[in-house]
C-alpha atoms as a PDB file:
ATOM      1  CA  UNK A   1     -51.400 -21.856 -92.108  1.00  0.00           C
ATOM      2  CA  UNK A   2     -54.460 -21.945 -89.851  1.00  0.00           C
ATOM      3  CA  UNK A   3     -57.107 -24.480 -90.638  1.00  0.00           C
ATOM      4  CA  UNK A   4     -59.709 -22.349 -92.418  1.00  0.00           C
ATOM      5  CA  UNK A   5     -62.762 -24.584 -92.419  1.00  0.00           C
ATOM      6  CA  UNK A   6     -64.398 -26.183 -89.396  1.00  0.00           C
ATOM      7  CA  UNK A   7     -64.275 -29.989 -89.396  1.00  0.00           C
ATOM      8  CA  UNK A   8     -67.436 -30.517 -87.365  1.00  0.00           C
ATOM      9  CA  UNK A   9     -70.696 -28.861 -86.335  1.00  0.00           C
ATOM     10  CA  UNK A  10     -72.070 -29.921 -82.968  1.00  0.00           C
ATOM     11  CA  UNK A  11     -75.852 -29.417 -82.858  1.00  0.00           C
ATOM     12  CA  UNK A  12     -77.366 -28.622 -79.467  1.00  0.00           C
ATOM     13  CA  UNK A  13     -80.283 -30.715 -78.231  1.00  0.00           C
ATOM     14  CA  UNK A  14     -82.810 -29.362 -77.535  1.00  0.00           C
ATOM     15  CA  UNK A  15     -82.820 -26.169 -79.574  1.00  0.00           C
ATOM     16  CA  UNK A  16     -85.325 -23.989 -81.407  1.00  0.00           C
ATOM     17  CA  UNK A  17     -89.087 -23.852 -81.002  1.00  0.00           C
ATOM     18  CA  UNK A  18     -90.667 -24.517 -77.619  1.00  0.00           C
ATOM     19  CA  UNK A  19     -94.296 -25.504 -76.989  1.00  0.00           C
ATOM     20  CA  UNK A  20     -95.369 -21.917 -76.236  1.00  0.00           C
ATOM     21  CA  UNK A  21     -93.940 -20.609 -79.511  1.00  0.00           C
ATOM     22  CA  UNK A  22     -95.424 -23.510 -81.500  1.00  0.00           C
ATOM     23  CA  UNK A  23     -98.830 -22.751 -80.013  1.00  0.00           C
ATOM     24  CA  UNK A  24     -98.609 -18.981 -80.606  1.00  0.00           C
ATOM     25  CA  UNK A  25     -97.723 -19.379 -84.295  1.00  0.00           C
ATOM     26  CA  UNK A  26    -100.439 -22.010 -84.728  1.00  0.00           C
ATOM     27  CA  UNK A  27    -103.022 -19.647 -83.197  1.00  0.00           C
ATOM     28  CA  UNK A  28    -102.260 -16.973 -85.819  1.00  0.00           C
ATOM     29  CA  UNK A  29    -102.163 -19.504 -88.679  1.00  0.00           C
ATOM     30  CA  UNK A  30    -105.462 -21.128 -87.626  1.00  0.00           C
ATOM     31  CA  UNK A  31    -107.115 -17.712 -87.215  1.00  0.00           C
ATOM     32  CA  UNK A  32    -106.006 -16.770 -90.742  1.00  0.00           C
ATOM     33  CA  UNK A  33    -107.490 -19.979 -92.185  1.00  0.00           C
ATOM     34  CA  UNK A  34    -110.688 -19.791 -90.153  1.00  0.00           C
ATOM     35  CA  UNK A  35    -111.490 -16.074 -90.345  1.00  0.00           C
ATOM     36  CA  UNK A  36    -109.446 -14.925 -93.342  1.00  0.00           C
ATOM     37  CA  UNK A  37    -106.900 -12.109 -93.565  1.00  0.00           C
ATOM     38  CA  UNK A  38    -106.219  -9.738 -92.056  1.00  0.00           C
ATOM     39  CA  UNK A  39    -105.668 -10.990 -88.503  1.00  0.00           C
ATOM     40  CA  UNK A  40    -104.233  -8.357 -86.164  1.00  0.00           C
ATOM     41  CA  UNK A  41    -101.512  -9.300 -83.686  1.00  0.00           C
ATOM     42  CA  UNK A  42    -100.485  -7.083 -80.788  1.00  0.00           C
ATOM     43  CA  UNK A  43     -96.684  -7.018 -80.733  1.00  0.00           C
ATOM     44  CA  UNK A  44     -94.505  -9.548 -82.597  1.00  0.00           C
ATOM     45  CA  UNK A  45     -96.179 -12.910 -81.962  1.00  0.00           C
ATOM     46  CA  UNK A  46     -92.735 -14.267 -81.022  1.00  0.00           C
ATOM     47  CA  UNK A  47     -89.395 -12.475 -81.228  1.00  0.00           C
ATOM     48  CA  UNK A  48     -88.201 -13.815 -84.565  1.00  0.00           C
ATOM     49  CA  UNK A  49     -87.886 -11.843 -87.800  1.00  0.00           C
ATOM     50  CA  UNK A  50     -88.397 -14.858 -90.101  1.00  0.00           C
ATOM     51  CA  UNK A  51     -91.572 -15.989 -88.294  1.00  0.00           C
ATOM     52  CA  UNK A  52     -93.049 -12.483 -88.237  1.00  0.00           C
ATOM     53  CA  UNK A  53     -92.322 -11.900 -91.943  1.00  0.00           C
ATOM     54  CA  UNK A  54     -93.781 -15.310 -92.842  1.00  0.00           C
ATOM     55  CA  UNK A  55     -97.020 -14.507 -90.996  1.00  0.00           C
ATOM     56  CA  UNK A  56     -97.153 -11.012 -92.542  1.00  0.00           C
ATOM     57  CA  UNK A  57     -97.000 -12.646 -95.975  1.00  0.00           C
ATOM     58  CA  UNK A  58     -99.991 -14.812 -94.985  1.00  0.00           C
ATOM     59  CA  UNK A  59    -102.051 -11.781 -93.920  1.00  0.00           C
ATOM     60  CA  UNK A  60    -101.162 -11.025 -90.297  1.00  0.00           C
ATOM     61  CA  UNK A  61    -100.810  -7.344 -89.368  1.00  0.00           C
ATOM     62  CA  UNK A  62     -98.607  -6.579 -86.352  1.00  0.00           C
ATOM     63  CA  UNK A  63     -99.505  -3.533 -84.274  1.00  0.00           C
ATOM     64  CA  UNK A  64     -98.465  -2.037 -80.930  1.00  0.00           C
ATOM     65  CA  UNK A  65    -101.409   0.326 -80.463  1.00  0.00           C
ATOM     66  CA  UNK A  66    -104.950  -1.081 -80.325  1.00  0.00           C
ATOM     67  CA  UNK A  67    -106.197   2.132 -81.958  1.00  0.00           C
ATOM     68  CA  UNK A  68    -104.678   0.753 -85.186  1.00  0.00           C
ATOM     69  CA  UNK A  69    -107.105  -2.201 -85.191  1.00  0.00           C
ATOM     70  CA  UNK A  70    -110.499  -1.648 -86.894  1.00  0.00           C
ATOM     71  CA  UNK A  71    -113.670  -2.357 -84.866  1.00  0.00           C
ATOM     72  CA  UNK A  72    -114.876  -5.964 -85.035  1.00  0.00           C
ATOM     73  CA  UNK A  73    -111.478  -7.287 -86.160  1.00  0.00           C
ATOM     74  CA  UNK A  74    -109.851 -10.482 -84.870  1.00  0.00           C
ATOM     75  CA  UNK A  75    -106.958  -9.720 -82.514  1.00  0.00           C
ATOM     76  CA  UNK A  76    -104.287 -12.069 -81.155  1.00  0.00           C
ATOM     77  CA  UNK A  77    -102.209 -11.250 -78.062  1.00  0.00           C
ATOM     78  CA  UNK A  78     -98.552 -12.255 -78.453  1.00  0.00           C
ATOM     79  CA  UNK A  79     -96.865 -15.153 -76.616  1.00  0.00           C
ATOM     80  CA  UNK A  80     -95.315 -12.679 -74.141  1.00  0.00           C
ATOM     81  CA  UNK A  81     -98.649 -11.755 -72.534  1.00  0.00           C
ATOM     82  CA  UNK A  82    -100.291  -8.378 -72.020  1.00  0.00           C
ATOM     83  CA  UNK A  83    -101.236  -6.136 -69.115  1.00  0.00           C
ATOM     84  CA  UNK A  84    -104.738  -5.929 -67.640  1.00  0.00           C
ATOM     85  CA  UNK A  85    -105.093  -2.469 -69.214  1.00  0.00           C
ATOM     86  CA  UNK A  86    -104.469  -3.862 -72.723  1.00  0.00           C
ATOM     87  CA  UNK A  87    -106.913  -6.743 -72.118  1.00  0.00           C
ATOM     88  CA  UNK A  88    -109.606  -4.344 -70.923  1.00  0.00           C
ATOM     89  CA  UNK A  89    -109.074  -1.907 -73.805  1.00  0.00           C
ATOM     90  CA  UNK A  90    -109.290  -4.748 -76.336  1.00  0.00           C
ATOM     91  CA  UNK A  91    -112.558  -5.943 -74.814  1.00  0.00           C
ATOM     92  CA  UNK A  92    -114.009  -2.412 -74.763  1.00  0.00           C
ATOM     93  CA  UNK A  93    -113.134  -1.978 -78.432  1.00  0.00           C
ATOM     94  CA  UNK A  94    -115.137  -5.105 -79.212  1.00  0.00           C
ATOM     95  CA  UNK A  95    -112.467  -7.196 -80.906  1.00  0.00           C
ATOM     96  CA  UNK A  96    -112.724 -10.929 -81.309  1.00  0.00           C
ATOM     97  CA  UNK A  97    -109.747 -11.889 -79.101  1.00  0.00           C
ATOM     98  CA  UNK A  98    -107.497 -14.945 -79.073  1.00  0.00           C
ATOM     99  CA  UNK A  99    -104.827 -15.024 -76.401  1.00  0.00           C
ATOM    100  CA  UNK A 100    -101.531 -16.606 -77.496  1.00  0.00           C
ATOM    101  CA  UNK A 101     -99.839 -15.848 -74.158  1.00  0.00           C
ATOM    102  CA  UNK A 102     -97.572 -18.787 -73.322  1.00  0.00           C
ATOM    103  CA  UNK A 103     -99.312 -20.889 -70.631  1.00  0.00           C
ATOM    104  CA  UNK A 104     -96.121 -20.698 -68.532  1.00  0.00           C
ATOM    105  CA  UNK A 105     -96.385 -16.885 -68.569  1.00  0.00           C
ATOM    106  CA  UNK A 106    -100.121 -17.091 -67.814  1.00  0.00           C
ATOM    107  CA  UNK A 107     -99.242 -19.246 -64.782  1.00  0.00           C
ATOM    108  CA  UNK A 108     -97.147 -16.338 -63.421  1.00  0.00           C
ATOM    109  CA  UNK A 109    -100.042 -13.906 -64.087  1.00  0.00           C
ATOM    110  CA  UNK A 110    -102.452 -16.166 -62.175  1.00  0.00           C
ATOM    111  CA  UNK A 111    -100.024 -16.422 -59.237  1.00  0.00           C
ATOM    112  CA  UNK A 112     -99.610 -12.617 -59.107  1.00  0.00           C
ATOM    113  CA  UNK A 113    -103.391 -12.070 -59.128  1.00  0.00           C
ATOM    114  CA  UNK A 114    -103.967 -14.690 -56.420  1.00  0.00           C
ATOM    115  CA  UNK A 115    -101.242 -13.484 -54.044  1.00  0.00           C
ATOM    116  CA  UNK A 116    -102.179  -9.836 -54.628  1.00  0.00           C
ATOM    117  CA  UNK A 117    -105.688 -10.633 -53.341  1.00  0.00           C
ATOM    118  CA  UNK A 118    -103.990 -12.050 -50.233  1.00  0.00           C
ATOM    119  CA  UNK A 119    -102.204  -8.728 -49.679  1.00  0.00           C
ATOM    120  CA  UNK A 120     -98.797  -9.508 -51.164  1.00  0.00           C
ATOM    121  CA  UNK A 121     -96.370  -7.091 -52.770  1.00  0.00           C
ATOM    122  CA  UNK A 122     -93.991  -8.407 -55.427  1.00  0.00           C
ATOM    123  CA  UNK A 123     -90.442  -8.220 -56.652  1.00  0.00           C
ATOM    124  CA  UNK A 124     -90.143  -9.190 -60.313  1.00  0.00           C
ATOM    125  CA  UNK A 125     -86.764 -10.344 -61.607  1.00  0.00           C
ATOM    126  CA  UNK A 126     -86.601  -9.401 -65.288  1.00  0.00           C
ATOM    127  CA  UNK A 127     -85.450  -7.040 -68.030  1.00  0.00           C
ATOM    128  CA  UNK A 128     -86.976  -3.559 -68.159  1.00  0.00           C
ATOM    129  CA  UNK A 129     -88.962  -2.907 -71.330  1.00  0.00           C
ATOM    130  CA  UNK A 130     -89.375  -6.575 -72.280  1.00  0.00           C
ATOM    131  CA  UNK A 131     -93.025  -7.178 -73.261  1.00  0.00           C
ATOM    132  CA  UNK A 132     -93.326 -10.162 -70.906  1.00  0.00           C
ATOM    133  CA  UNK A 133     -92.209  -8.006 -67.976  1.00  0.00           C
ATOM    134  CA  UNK A 134     -94.639  -5.239 -68.985  1.00  0.00           C
ATOM    135  CA  UNK A 135     -97.446  -7.808 -69.191  1.00  0.00           C
ATOM    136  CA  UNK A 136     -96.732  -9.397 -65.812  1.00  0.00           C
ATOM    137  CA  UNK A 137     -96.159  -6.097 -63.982  1.00  0.00           C
ATOM    138  CA  UNK A 138     -99.291  -4.770 -65.695  1.00  0.00           C
ATOM    139  CA  UNK A 139    -101.418  -7.392 -63.931  1.00  0.00           C
ATOM    140  CA  UNK A 140    -101.438  -4.981 -60.973  1.00  0.00           C
ATOM    141  CA  UNK A 141    -101.869  -1.217 -60.613  1.00  0.00           C
ATOM    142  CA  UNK A 142     -99.178  -1.035 -57.930  1.00  0.00           C
ATOM    143  CA  UNK A 143     -97.112  -3.068 -55.510  1.00  0.00           C
ATOM    144  CA  UNK A 144     -94.858  -4.835 -58.030  1.00  0.00           C
ATOM    145  CA  UNK A 145     -91.202  -3.747 -58.252  1.00  0.00           C
ATOM    146  CA  UNK A 146     -88.758  -4.664 -61.022  1.00  0.00           C
ATOM    147  CA  UNK A 147     -85.271  -5.826 -60.043  1.00  0.00           C
ATOM    148  CA  UNK A 148     -82.862  -6.329 -62.939  1.00  0.00           C
ATOM    149  CA  UNK A 149     -79.714  -7.150 -60.955  1.00  0.00           C
ATOM    150  CA  UNK A 150     -78.267  -7.592 -57.474  1.00  0.00           C
ATOM    151  CA  UNK A 151     -77.779  -3.806 -57.084  1.00  0.00           C
ATOM    152  CA  UNK A 152     -81.521  -3.259 -57.670  1.00  0.00           C
ATOM    153  CA  UNK A 153     -82.277  -5.712 -54.858  1.00  0.00           C
ATOM    154  CA  UNK A 154     -80.280  -3.553 -52.428  1.00  0.00           C
ATOM    155  CA  UNK A 155     -82.172  -0.397 -53.529  1.00  0.00           C
ATOM    156  CA  UNK A 156     -85.758  -1.624 -53.803  1.00  0.00           C
ATOM    157  CA  UNK A 157     -88.181  -0.284 -51.154  1.00  0.00           C
ATOM    158  CA  UNK A 158     -91.399  -2.292 -50.929  1.00  0.00           C
ATOM    159  CA  UNK A 159     -94.111  -0.682 -48.764  1.00  0.00           C
ATOM    160  CA  UNK A 160     -94.102  -3.730 -46.478  1.00  0.00           C
ATOM    161  CA  UNK A 161     -92.065  -6.918 -46.170  1.00  0.00           C
ATOM    162  CA  UNK A 162     -94.365  -9.213 -44.156  1.00  0.00           C
ATOM    163  CA  UNK A 163     -96.094 -10.304 -47.331  1.00  0.00           C
ATOM    164  CA  UNK A 164     -93.557 -10.147 -50.130  1.00  0.00           C
ATOM    165  CA  UNK A 165     -93.365 -12.584 -53.054  1.00  0.00           C
ATOM    166  CA  UNK A 166     -90.919 -12.919 -55.929  1.00  0.00           C
ATOM    167  CA  UNK A 167     -91.690 -13.830 -59.555  1.00  0.00           C
ATOM    168  CA  UNK A 168     -89.414 -13.929 -62.596  1.00  0.00           C
ATOM    169  CA  UNK A 169     -89.500 -13.435 -66.333  1.00  0.00           C
ATOM    170  CA  UNK A 170     -89.633 -16.909 -67.913  1.00  0.00           C
ATOM    171  CA  UNK A 171     -86.704 -16.407 -70.334  1.00  0.00           C
ATOM    172  CA  UNK A 172     -83.894 -15.300 -68.008  1.00  0.00           C
ATOM    173  CA  UNK A 173     -80.456 -16.771 -67.566  1.00  0.00           C
ATOM    174  CA  UNK A 174     -80.970 -19.516 -64.995  1.00  0.00           C
ATOM    175  CA  UNK A 175     -77.662 -18.676 -63.287  1.00  0.00           C
ATOM    176  CA  UNK A 176     -78.226 -14.887 -63.242  1.00  0.00           C
ATOM    177  CA  UNK A 177     -81.743 -15.351 -61.869  1.00  0.00           C
ATOM    178  CA  UNK A 178     -80.403 -17.659 -59.134  1.00  0.00           C
ATOM    179  CA  UNK A 179     -77.827 -15.019 -58.147  1.00  0.00           C
ATOM    180  CA  UNK A 180     -80.493 -12.267 -57.963  1.00  0.00           C
ATOM    181  CA  UNK A 181     -82.861 -14.623 -56.095  1.00  0.00           C
ATOM    182  CA  UNK A 182     -80.111 -15.318 -53.529  1.00  0.00           C
ATOM    183  CA  UNK A 183     -79.733 -11.541 -52.988  1.00  0.00           C
ATOM    184  CA  UNK A 184     -83.516 -11.196 -52.570  1.00  0.00           C
ATOM    185  CA  UNK A 185     -83.585 -13.996 -49.956  1.00  0.00           C
ATOM    186  CA  UNK A 186     -80.579 -12.508 -48.124  1.00  0.00           C
ATOM    187  CA  UNK A 187     -82.331  -9.128 -47.828  1.00  0.00           C
ATOM    188  CA  UNK A 188     -85.885 -10.436 -47.338  1.00  0.00           C
ATOM    189  CA  UNK A 189     -85.517 -13.850 -45.656  1.00  0.00           C
ATOM    190  CA  UNK A 190     -89.273 -14.463 -45.392  1.00  0.00           C
ATOM    191  CA  UNK A 191     -89.964 -13.704 -49.074  1.00  0.00           C
ATOM    192  CA  UNK A 192     -92.314 -16.131 -50.763  1.00  0.00           C
ATOM    193  CA  UNK A 193     -90.704 -17.945 -53.682  1.00  0.00           C
ATOM    194  CA  UNK A 194     -92.479 -19.676 -56.586  1.00  0.00           C
ATOM    195  CA  UNK A 195     -93.279 -23.331 -55.825  1.00  0.00           C
ATOM    196  CA  UNK A 196     -91.604 -24.237 -59.097  1.00  0.00           C
ATOM    197  CA  UNK A 197     -89.243 -21.689 -60.575  1.00  0.00           C
ATOM    198  CA  UNK A 198     -90.869 -19.390 -63.119  1.00  0.00           C
ATOM    199  CA  UNK A 199     -88.075 -19.823 -65.674  1.00  0.00           C
ATOM    200  CA  UNK A 200     -89.573 -22.066 -68.318  1.00  0.00           C
ATOM    201  CA  UNK A 201     -88.478 -25.630 -69.008  1.00  0.00           C
ATOM    202  CA  UNK A 202     -87.378 -24.766 -72.556  1.00  0.00           C
ATOM    203  CA  UNK A 203     -85.172 -21.857 -71.461  1.00  0.00           C
ATOM    204  CA  UNK A 204     -83.574 -24.103 -68.825  1.00  0.00           C
ATOM    205  CA  UNK A 205     -83.057 -27.009 -71.261  1.00  0.00           C
ATOM    206  CA  UNK A 206     -81.489 -24.834 -73.971  1.00  0.00           C
ATOM    207  CA  UNK A 207     -79.128 -23.237 -71.460  1.00  0.00           C
ATOM    208  CA  UNK A 208     -78.157 -26.630 -70.017  1.00  0.00           C
ATOM    209  CA  UNK A 209     -77.401 -27.886 -73.558  1.00  0.00           C
ATOM    210  CA  UNK A 210     -75.154 -24.856 -74.228  1.00  0.00           C
ATOM    211  CA  UNK A 211     -73.260 -25.541 -70.985  1.00  0.00           C
ATOM    212  CA  UNK A 212     -72.533 -29.103 -72.119  1.00  0.00           C
ATOM    213  CA  UNK A 213     -71.792 -28.051 -75.706  1.00  0.00           C
ATOM    214  CA  UNK A 214     -69.462 -25.171 -74.812  1.00  0.00           C
ATOM    215  CA  UNK A 215     -66.935 -27.564 -73.275  1.00  0.00           C
ATOM    216  CA  UNK A 216     -66.618 -29.350 -76.624  1.00  0.00           C
ATOM    217  CA  UNK A 217     -66.447 -26.535 -79.205  1.00  0.00           C
ATOM    218  CA  UNK A 218     -64.269 -23.592 -80.285  1.00  0.00           C
ATOM    219  CA  UNK A 219     -67.073 -21.182 -81.166  1.00  0.00           C
ATOM    220  CA  UNK A 220     -70.859 -21.063 -80.616  1.00  0.00           C
ATOM    221  CA  UNK A 221     -73.406 -19.754 -83.130  1.00  0.00           C
ATOM    222  CA  UNK A 222     -76.883 -18.967 -81.798  1.00  0.00           C
ATOM    223  CA  UNK A 223     -79.720 -18.627 -84.308  1.00  0.00           C
ATOM    224  CA  UNK A 224     -82.093 -15.999 -82.941  1.00  0.00           C
ATOM    225  CA  UNK A 225     -83.310 -12.438 -83.431  1.00  0.00           C
ATOM    226  CA  UNK A 226     -81.764  -9.519 -81.489  1.00  0.00           C
ATOM    227  CA  UNK A 227     -85.054  -8.935 -79.611  1.00  0.00           C
ATOM    228  CA  UNK A 228     -85.222 -12.549 -78.367  1.00  0.00           C
ATOM    229  CA  UNK A 229     -84.379 -12.617 -74.663  1.00  0.00           C
ATOM    230  CA  UNK A 230     -83.778 -16.351 -74.432  1.00  0.00           C
ATOM    231  CA  UNK A 231     -81.538 -16.340 -77.555  1.00  0.00           C
ATOM    232  CA  UNK A 232     -79.401 -13.529 -76.117  1.00  0.00           C
ATOM    233  CA  UNK A 233     -79.013 -15.513 -72.881  1.00  0.00           C
ATOM    234  CA  UNK A 234     -77.640 -18.519 -74.819  1.00  0.00           C
ATOM    235  CA  UNK A 235     -74.903 -16.422 -76.452  1.00  0.00           C
ATOM    236  CA  UNK A 236     -74.094 -14.732 -73.119  1.00  0.00           C
ATOM    237  CA  UNK A 237     -73.830 -18.097 -71.385  1.00  0.00           C
ATOM    238  CA  UNK A 238     -71.340 -19.476 -73.920  1.00  0.00           C
ATOM    239  CA  UNK A 239     -69.193 -16.318 -73.551  1.00  0.00           C
ATOM    240  CA  UNK A 240     -69.275 -16.656 -69.763  1.00  0.00           C
ATOM    241  CA  UNK A 241     -67.920 -20.164 -70.230  1.00  0.00           C
ATOM    242  CA  UNK A 242     -65.021 -18.726 -72.223  1.00  0.00           C
ATOM    243  CA  UNK A 243     -66.177 -19.586 -75.742  1.00  0.00           C
ATOM    244  CA  UNK A 244     -66.649 -16.899 -78.430  1.00  0.00           C
ATOM    245  CA  UNK A 245     -70.342 -16.755 -79.339  1.00  0.00           C
ATOM    246  CA  UNK A 246     -72.278 -14.934 -82.061  1.00  0.00           C
ATOM    247  CA  UNK A 247     -75.983 -14.469 -82.725  1.00  0.00           C
ATOM    248  CA  UNK A 248     -77.374 -14.556 -86.256  1.00  0.00           C
ATOM    249  CA  UNK A 249     -80.907 -13.869 -87.445  1.00  0.00           C
ATOM    250  CA  UNK A 250     -80.221 -16.125 -90.432  1.00  0.00           C
ATOM    251  CA  UNK A 251     -77.387 -17.702 -92.453  1.00  0.00           C
ATOM    252  CA  UNK A 252     -76.654 -14.468 -94.363  1.00  0.00           C
ATOM    253  CA  UNK A 253     -75.318 -12.870 -91.138  1.00  0.00           C
ATOM    254  CA  UNK A 254     -72.724 -15.584 -90.553  1.00  0.00           C
ATOM    255  CA  UNK A 255     -69.209 -14.154 -90.939  1.00  0.00           C
ATOM    256  CA  UNK A 256     -66.469 -16.430 -92.260  1.00  0.00           C
ATOM    257  CA  UNK A 257     -63.814 -14.939 -89.964  1.00  0.00           C
ATOM    258  CA  UNK A 258     -65.720 -16.155 -86.879  1.00  0.00           C
ATOM    259  CA  UNK A 259     -65.019 -19.720 -88.012  1.00  0.00           C
ATOM    260  CA  UNK A 260     -61.410 -19.360 -89.153  1.00  0.00           C
ATOM    261  CA  UNK A 261     -59.166 -21.779 -87.299  1.00  0.00           C
ATOM    262  CA  UNK A 262     -62.127 -23.180 -85.369  1.00  0.00           C
ATOM    263  CA  UNK A 263     -62.233 -26.957 -85.700  1.00  0.00           C
ATOM    264  CA  UNK A 264     -65.581 -27.389 -83.996  1.00  0.00           C
ATOM    265  CA  UNK A 265     -68.611 -25.121 -84.247  1.00  0.00           C
ATOM    266  CA  UNK A 266     -71.438 -25.395 -81.705  1.00  0.00           C
ATOM    267  CA  UNK A 267     -74.838 -24.494 -83.145  1.00  0.00           C
ATOM    268  CA  UNK A 268     -78.051 -23.826 -81.242  1.00  0.00           C
ATOM    269  CA  UNK A 269     -81.239 -21.789 -81.650  1.00  0.00           C
ATOM    270  CA  UNK A 270     -83.430 -19.766 -79.318  1.00  0.00           C
ATOM    271  CA  UNK A 271     -86.952 -20.915 -78.491  1.00  0.00           C
ATOM    272  CA  UNK A 272     -88.497 -18.633 -81.134  1.00  0.00           C
ATOM    273  CA  UNK A 273     -86.146 -19.591 -84.013  1.00  0.00           C
ATOM    274  CA  UNK A 274     -87.450 -22.115 -86.562  1.00  0.00           C
ATOM    275  CA  UNK A 275     -85.389 -25.189 -87.522  1.00  0.00           C
ATOM    276  CA  UNK A 276     -85.300 -24.133 -91.204  1.00  0.00           C
ATOM    277  CA  UNK A 277     -82.932 -21.291 -90.184  1.00  0.00           C
ATOM    278  CA  UNK A 278     -80.644 -23.735 -88.346  1.00  0.00           C
ATOM    279  CA  UNK A 279     -80.488 -25.934 -91.444  1.00  0.00           C
ATOM    280  CA  UNK A 280     -79.638 -22.882 -93.591  1.00  0.00           C
ATOM    281  CA  UNK A 281     -76.723 -22.091 -91.250  1.00  0.00           C
ATOM    282  CA  UNK A 282     -75.494 -25.703 -91.506  1.00  0.00           C
ATOM    283  CA  UNK A 283     -75.640 -25.451 -95.314  1.00  0.00           C
ATOM    284  CA  UNK A 284     -73.689 -22.183 -95.226  1.00  0.00           C
ATOM    285  CA  UNK A 285     -70.972 -23.603 -92.930  1.00  0.00           C
ATOM    286  CA  UNK A 286     -70.712 -26.657 -95.187  1.00  0.00           C
ATOM    287  CA  UNK A 287     -69.897 -24.441 -98.157  1.00  0.00           C
ATOM    288  CA  UNK A 288     -66.754 -23.380 -96.275  1.00  0.00           C
ATOM    289  CA  UNK A 289     -65.360 -26.917 -96.339  1.00  0.00           C
ATOM    290  CA  UNK A 290     -66.027 -30.547 -95.537  1.00  0.00           C
ATOM    291  CA  UNK A 291     -68.099 -30.584 -92.387  1.00  0.00           C
ATOM    292  CA  UNK A 292     -69.526 -33.411 -90.313  1.00  0.00           C
ATOM    293  CA  UNK A 293     -72.697 -32.685 -88.333  1.00  0.00           C
ATOM    294  CA  UNK A 294     -73.128 -34.399 -84.987  1.00  0.00           C
ATOM    295  CA  UNK A 295     -76.195 -34.094 -82.771  1.00  0.00           C
ATOM    296  CA  UNK A 296     -75.622 -33.941 -79.043  1.00  0.00           C
ATOM    297  CA  UNK A 297     -77.569 -36.230 -76.782  1.00  0.00           C
ATOM    298  CA  UNK A 298     -80.127 -34.154 -74.927  1.00  0.00           C
ATOM    299  CA  UNK A 299     -83.540 -33.983 -73.310  1.00  0.00           C
ATOM    300  CA  UNK A 300     -86.417 -34.738 -75.635  1.00  0.00           C
ATOM    301  CA  UNK A 301     -89.206 -32.228 -75.087  1.00  0.00           C
ATOM    302  CA  UNK A 302     -92.736 -33.595 -75.336  1.00  0.00           C
ATOM    303  CA  UNK A 303     -94.704 -30.636 -73.911  1.00  0.00           C
ATOM    304  CA  UNK A 304     -97.683 -29.598 -76.049  1.00  0.00           C
ATOM    305  CA  UNK A 305    -100.131 -26.815 -75.182  1.00  0.00           C
ATOM    306  CA  UNK A 306    -103.731 -26.897 -76.459  1.00  0.00           C
ATOM    307  CA  UNK A 307    -105.123 -24.173 -78.688  1.00  0.00           C
ATOM    308  CA  UNK A 308    -107.803 -21.795 -77.356  1.00  0.00           C
ATOM    309  CA  UNK A 309    -111.445 -22.765 -77.956  1.00  0.00           C
ATOM    310  CA  UNK A 310    -112.838 -21.656 -81.278  1.00  0.00           C
ATOM    311  CA  UNK A 311    -109.621 -22.156 -83.239  1.00  0.00           C
ATOM    312  CA  UNK A 312    -109.737 -25.867 -84.004  1.00  0.00           C
ATOM    313  CA  UNK A 313    -109.896 -26.366 -87.750  1.00  0.00           C
ATOM    314  CA  UNK A 314    -112.479 -28.808 -89.094  1.00  0.00           C
ATOM    315  CA  UNK A 315    -111.637 -31.443 -91.691  1.00  0.00           C
ATOM    316  CA  UNK A 316    -112.500 -29.131 -94.608  1.00  0.00           C
ATOM    317  CA  UNK A 317    -109.498 -26.881 -93.824  1.00  0.00           C
END
């Protein structure tokens, strides 16, 4: 008979919330306390169902179209960033605006604006339709080309190549991005690369932890919502390393058969998934049998991003 219940859960370190997600959620929560409900948020503040539903219950209203926001309302831009057109429309409509764009995404926006003024065209490595990609590409009216894979690099036709720069979505697979970057450099040897890679520290750290963890486990469970780019990359990475991997939005989606005969379960969470969901998954796996939980050694993240002006809560709150 196969051993039905896992004997051990190996917890990835680091996992779950990053500084940009922490800050974005805090911005909405502080706005709700300071200005009262409703607070309007353009797009899901972060790509996590639990977080979005929790904020909805507190009085946040999530919209895609600024026409759905009443005049004079308080509006928060999501952590993924927005295009210049959205920023300008929001200002014209007279909203009170708080920008929860992750500072690491804003850094890419600033770089694009600066180099564009110097006459650069851009290749952006990223996933079509992702709000971060739409926001970054929307910093310019033209001259920025999306490449999703190596084949796109071969096809792309920038108007000129003397001044060509490359930027990336912050939540990509580190290895996939490196492969696409190598193809870009091979085709455009003089391309300007970011001084520090655009992929964020938290994405890199979570992927590195999965690489270490995958060698020690029989199956990997990633807590994260289907829309979360960085969570999807964690599951993909484990599969590439030959380990079955499954993504769950919460403990209710965990299927017993995934764990049958698996002595060791690796558990991690995307950068937008709260720790409470990880703990719920641990509880659920424990109900299947006696389970030890062991934390991996890993990088301790100490990054903290300040809140925008006007959102600090005074002592009375």
